[in-house]
Amino acid sequence: MAADELVTSAFDALADRYDLLVDWPKRLANEAPFFRGLFELHGVKRVADVACGTGHHAAMFHSWGLFVEGSDISSAMIDRCRQLHGEADALRWTQRSFIDPPPAAEPFDAVVCLGNSLALAGEVEAAARAIVGMVRHVRCGGVGVVHVLNLYSLDTAGTVWQKVRRVHHRGRSIVLLKSIRREGSYGHVEILEVDLSDEPPRLQVERNRFVGLTRGDIEQALRAAGAKVAEMYGSHTREAFDERRSGDLIVVWERGGTLTNRG
């Protein structure tokens, strides 16, 4: 099975439970000032959210009066987007791999790929192809954001348990656990679901492998696509990126822009 098929299978299975692992109000409150300031600075009116998951960022951008297209390789995720956020002339959802270009009638002002989605391309070369597609569909002078987990801030010694949630879902009591571990230049995410309504409790596991993308990998791909890094951060509060300590790698790029700040 190809890497994109593995990702599709895993997220199709988790589409209705994925949001249970995320405190979306808290996350969006933390990230909104970053995106609002960036979009205002660049006069953004049209946004493409690539690999949009359950669509919360796209819906937030739309609430600011922007035209937004959200796309994801998982049909179940796109169905979930429509259920949660609806659809309108200025808010559209489509099933598509982030390696495939959006069939936009006109270029976007901004393209974002958030939450480590780009790393799920599986290999550096596939991520680079996805970046080429993003850049080609932004107008000259347009802006983009790539947000990935900084895999190299993790020790290779063991597993990190990121989340543990006990919830009631569809009338059943379940525990969701999310773990991550690093093996060389790859990361492995596991999501465990323990259904406490069964006796004995039933265990289901979903696994995904992702590639560790470095600042150099992303900058090289952007340069090859005709864009350059404008800013680089280790968090949405604009902390300088430290490849040994920063949990996140956030790259702001401009098509036809100049390299102004590398963190």
Protein backbone atom coordinates (compact mmCIF):
# COMPACT_ATOMS: atom_id res chain seq x y z
CA MET A 1 0.00 0.00 0.00
CA ALA A 2 1.37 3.45 -0.95
CA ALA A 3 2.11 6.05 1.72
CA ASP A 4 -0.85 8.25 0.76
CA GLU A 5 -3.17 5.21 0.86
CA LEU A 6 -1.95 4.36 4.36
CA VAL A 7 -2.62 7.90 5.52
CA THR A 8 -6.08 7.86 3.93
CA SER A 9 -6.96 4.57 5.62
CA ALA A 10 -5.81 5.72 9.07
CA PHE A 11 -7.60 9.06 9.00
CA ASP A 12 -10.77 7.68 7.45
CA ALA A 13 -10.96 5.37 10.47
CA LEU A 14 -10.42 8.25 12.91
CA ALA A 15 -12.44 11.01 11.27
CA ASP A 16 -15.25 11.07 13.83
CA ARG A 17 -12.88 10.81 16.82
CA TYR A 18 -9.94 12.96 15.76
CA ASP A 19 -11.40 16.14 17.27
CA LEU A 20 -11.74 14.44 20.64
CA LEU A 21 -7.94 14.60 20.97
CA VAL A 22 -7.73 18.35 20.37
CA ASP A 23 -8.84 21.29 22.51
CA TRP A 24 -9.81 23.36 19.49
CA PRO A 25 -10.97 26.53 21.26
CA LYS A 26 -7.65 26.73 23.12
CA ARG A 27 -5.56 25.89 20.05
CA LEU A 28 -7.29 28.35 17.75
CA ALA A 29 -7.14 31.12 20.37
CA ASN A 30 -3.38 30.58 20.54
CA GLU A 31 -2.83 30.49 16.77
CA ALA A 32 -5.37 33.07 15.53
CA PRO A 33 -3.23 36.20 16.21
CA PHE A 34 -0.37 34.70 14.18
CA PHE A 35 -2.51 34.07 11.10
CA ARG A 36 -4.63 37.21 11.39
CA GLY A 37 -1.55 39.42 11.52
CA LEU A 38 0.09 37.59 8.62
CA PHE A 39 -3.00 37.74 6.41
CA GLU A 40 -3.59 41.42 7.13
CA LEU A 41 0.05 42.22 6.34
CA HIS A 42 -0.20 40.52 2.94
CA GLY A 43 -3.72 41.62 2.02
CA VAL A 44 -5.00 38.04 1.93
CA LYS A 45 -8.56 37.50 0.67
CA ARG A 46 -8.35 33.94 -0.71
CA VAL A 47 -6.86 31.05 1.31
CA ALA A 48 -6.22 27.40 0.50
CA ASP A 49 -5.95 25.11 3.55
CA VAL A 50 -4.12 22.03 2.25
CA ALA A 51 -4.54 18.75 4.19
CA CYS A 52 -7.17 20.53 6.27
CA GLY A 53 -8.21 17.60 8.50
CA THR A 54 -11.53 18.38 10.16
CA GLY A 55 -11.43 21.96 8.88
CA HIS A 56 -11.23 24.07 12.04
CA HIS A 57 -8.53 26.40 10.73
CA ALA A 58 -10.33 26.83 7.41
CA ALA A 59 -13.59 27.62 9.19
CA MET A 60 -11.81 30.18 11.37
CA PHE A 61 -10.33 31.90 8.31
CA HIS A 62 -13.76 31.94 6.69
CA SER A 63 -15.22 33.57 9.82
CA TRP A 64 -12.84 36.48 9.16
CA GLY A 65 -14.60 37.15 5.83
CA LEU A 66 -12.09 35.30 3.63
CA PHE A 67 -12.74 32.93 0.73
CA VAL A 68 -11.41 29.53 1.83
CA GLU A 69 -10.92 26.18 0.12
CA GLY A 70 -10.13 23.24 2.40
CA SER A 71 -8.80 20.03 0.91
CA ASP A 72 -7.82 16.65 2.35
CA ILE A 73 -6.96 13.24 0.94
CA SER A 74 -9.46 11.57 3.30
CA SER A 75 -13.05 11.56 2.07
CA ALA A 76 -14.19 10.89 5.65
CA MET A 77 -12.37 14.01 6.84
CA ILE A 78 -14.03 16.10 4.12
CA ASP A 79 -17.43 14.70 5.09
CA ARG A 80 -16.65 15.67 8.68
CA CYS A 81 -15.75 19.21 7.55
CA ARG A 82 -19.12 19.60 5.88
CA GLN A 83 -20.94 18.24 8.94
CA LEU A 84 -19.11 20.55 11.34
CA HIS A 85 -18.83 23.75 9.34
CA GLY A 86 -21.26 23.59 6.44
CA GLU A 87 -20.41 24.80 2.95
CA ALA A 88 -20.98 28.10 1.16
CA ASP A 89 -19.83 30.08 -1.86
CA ALA A 90 -16.87 31.32 0.19
CA LEU A 91 -16.19 28.06 2.06
CA ARG A 92 -15.53 25.01 -0.08
CA TRP A 93 -14.33 21.49 0.70
CA THR A 94 -12.72 19.05 -1.72
CA GLN A 95 -11.07 15.64 -1.52
CA ARG A 96 -7.54 15.84 -2.92
CA SER A 97 -4.01 14.83 -2.00
CA PHE A 98 -1.74 17.75 -1.17
CA ILE A 99 0.56 16.54 -3.94
CA ASP A 100 -2.23 17.26 -6.44
CA PRO A 101 -2.66 20.93 -7.41
CA PRO A 102 -5.93 22.71 -6.60
CA PRO A 103 -8.04 23.47 -9.70
CA ALA A 104 -8.37 27.13 -8.72
CA ALA A 105 -10.06 29.54 -11.11
CA GLU A 106 -7.62 32.19 -9.91
CA PRO A 107 -4.51 32.10 -7.71
CA PHE A 108 -4.83 32.12 -3.96
CA ASP A 109 -3.35 34.89 -1.84
CA ALA A 110 -2.22 32.36 0.78
CA VAL A 111 -1.74 28.61 1.14
CA VAL A 112 -1.33 26.91 4.52
CA CYS A 113 -0.38 23.32 5.39
CA LEU A 114 -0.62 22.88 9.15
CA GLY A 115 -0.37 20.43 12.03
CA ASN A 116 2.46 18.22 10.66
CA SER A 117 0.35 17.28 7.63
CA LEU A 118 3.21 17.84 5.18
CA ALA A 119 5.37 15.28 7.01
CA LEU A 120 2.71 12.65 6.25
CA ALA A 121 3.86 12.78 2.63
CA GLY A 122 6.16 10.02 3.86
CA GLU A 123 9.43 11.09 2.22
CA VAL A 124 11.32 14.36 1.76
CA GLU A 125 10.94 14.14 -2.03
CA ALA A 126 7.15 13.79 -1.81
CA ALA A 127 6.95 16.74 0.58
CA ALA A 128 9.02 18.78 -1.88
CA ARG A 129 6.54 17.97 -4.68
CA ALA A 130 3.69 19.09 -2.45
CA ILE A 131 5.48 22.39 -1.79
CA VAL A 132 5.88 22.94 -5.54
CA GLY A 133 2.10 22.55 -5.94
CA MET A 134 1.42 25.03 -3.14
CA VAL A 135 3.74 27.67 -4.54
CA ARG A 136 2.38 27.39 -8.08
CA HIS A 137 -1.12 28.24 -6.92
CA VAL A 138 -0.24 31.38 -4.98
CA ARG A 139 -0.16 34.73 -6.76
CA CYS A 140 3.15 36.53 -7.16
CA GLY A 141 3.82 38.19 -3.82
CA GLY A 142 1.48 35.75 -2.09
CA VAL A 143 2.32 34.02 1.16
CA GLY A 144 2.30 30.51 2.58
CA VAL A 145 2.76 28.74 5.90
CA VAL A 146 4.14 25.26 6.52
CA HIS A 147 3.82 23.97 10.08
CA VAL A 148 5.40 20.65 11.03
CA LEU A 149 6.52 18.90 14.18
CA ASN A 150 10.24 19.38 14.78
CA LEU A 151 11.07 15.68 14.97
CA TYR A 152 14.69 16.37 15.86
CA SER A 153 13.74 17.91 19.19
CA LEU A 154 12.70 14.39 20.29
CA ASP A 155 15.05 11.91 21.92
CA THR A 156 15.32 8.52 20.25
CA ALA A 157 15.35 6.79 23.64
CA GLY A 158 11.62 6.20 24.09
CA THR A 159 7.98 7.01 23.47
CA VAL A 160 6.35 10.34 24.28
CA TRP A 161 2.70 10.11 25.34
CA GLN A 162 1.21 13.37 24.07
CA LYS A 163 -2.46 12.98 24.93
CA VAL A 164 -4.77 10.92 27.10
CA ARG A 165 -8.53 11.59 26.93
CA ARG A 166 -11.48 9.76 28.47
CA VAL A 167 -14.65 10.66 26.59
CA HIS A 168 -18.18 9.50 25.86
CA HIS A 169 -18.64 8.92 22.15
CA ARG A 170 -21.80 7.61 20.51
CA GLY A 171 -23.05 6.27 23.82
CA ARG A 172 -19.83 4.46 24.66
CA SER A 173 -17.12 5.21 27.22
CA ILE A 174 -13.70 5.26 25.55
CA VAL A 175 -10.14 6.27 26.35
CA LEU A 176 -8.00 7.77 23.57
CA LEU A 177 -4.22 7.86 23.84
CA LYS A 178 -1.75 9.41 21.40
CA SER A 179 1.94 8.60 21.40
CA ILE A 180 4.92 9.59 19.28
CA ARG A 181 8.41 8.18 18.95
CA ARG A 182 11.39 8.90 16.78
CA GLU A 183 13.44 6.37 14.84
CA GLY A 184 16.24 8.18 13.02
CA SER A 185 14.74 10.55 10.46
CA TYR A 186 11.20 9.15 10.82
CA GLY A 187 8.51 9.55 13.43
CA HIS A 188 5.80 7.11 14.39
CA VAL A 189 2.40 8.16 15.74
CA GLU A 190 0.03 5.73 17.39
CA ILE A 191 -3.53 6.45 18.44
CA LEU A 192 -4.99 3.87 20.79
CA GLU A 193 -8.69 3.59 21.49
CA VAL A 194 -9.79 1.57 24.51
CA ASP A 195 -13.53 0.90 24.54
CA LEU A 196 -14.47 0.57 28.21
CA SER A 197 -18.06 -0.31 27.37
CA ASP A 198 -16.97 -3.80 26.39
CA GLU A 199 -15.90 -6.52 28.80
CA PRO A 200 -13.07 -7.12 28.52
CA PRO A 201 -12.25 -3.63 27.12
CA ARG A 202 -11.64 -3.62 23.36
CA LEU A 203 -8.41 -2.11 22.00
CA GLN A 204 -8.01 -0.55 18.55
CA VAL A 205 -4.74 0.95 17.28
CA GLU A 206 -4.10 3.26 14.32
CA ARG A 207 -0.49 3.84 13.24
CA ASN A 208 1.16 6.38 10.96
CA ARG A 209 4.76 6.98 9.97
CA PHE A 210 5.95 10.44 8.98
CA VAL A 211 9.23 11.90 7.77
CA GLY A 212 11.20 14.41 9.81
CA LEU A 213 11.42 17.59 7.74
CA THR A 214 14.23 20.01 8.56
CA ARG A 215 14.44 23.73 7.93
CA GLY A 216 16.92 22.89 5.16
CA ASP A 217 14.53 20.44 3.47
CA ILE A 218 11.74 23.01 3.40
CA GLU A 219 13.93 25.91 2.32
CA GLN A 220 15.45 23.86 -0.51
CA ALA A 221 12.02 22.82 -1.78
CA LEU A 222 10.75 26.41 -1.65
CA ARG A 223 13.79 27.68 -3.54
CA ALA A 224 13.30 25.04 -6.25
CA ALA A 225 9.64 26.09 -6.54
CA GLY A 226 10.41 29.80 -6.94
CA ALA A 227 9.72 30.95 -3.39
CA LYS A 228 11.83 31.92 -0.41
CA VAL A 229 11.59 31.73 3.35
CA ALA A 230 10.40 34.99 4.84
CA GLU A 231 10.21 33.99 8.51
CA MET A 232 10.94 30.91 10.61
CA TYR A 233 9.64 30.27 14.11
CA GLY A 234 9.50 27.62 16.80
CA SER A 235 5.97 28.51 17.92
CA HIS A 236 2.92 30.56 16.97
CA THR A 237 4.03 33.19 19.49
CA ARG A 238 6.96 33.84 17.11
CA GLU A 239 9.71 32.41 19.26
CA ALA A 240 12.95 31.90 17.36
CA PHE A 241 13.33 28.38 15.98
CA ASP A 242 15.87 26.17 17.77
CA GLU A 243 16.24 22.82 16.04
CA ARG A 244 17.28 21.09 19.29
CA ARG A 245 14.54 22.50 21.53
CA SER A 246 11.59 23.87 19.53
CA GLY A 247 8.64 21.51 19.40
CA ASP A 248 7.37 23.07 16.17
CA LEU A 249 8.87 24.34 12.94
CA ILE A 250 6.77 27.09 11.37
CA VAL A 251 7.95 28.42 8.01
CA VAL A 252 6.41 31.48 6.42
CA TRP A 253 7.27 31.78 2.74
CA GLU A 254 6.61 34.25 -0.05
CA ARG A 255 6.39 33.65 -3.76
CA GLY A 256 8.84 36.04 -5.30
CA GLY A 257 9.67 37.41 -1.84
CA THR A 258 13.03 37.85 -0.16
CA LEU A 259 14.72 36.10 2.74
CA THR A 260 14.19 38.53 5.61
CA ASN A 261 14.38 36.50 8.83
CA ARG A 262 15.45 32.92 9.45
CA GLY A 263 14.93 32.83 13.20
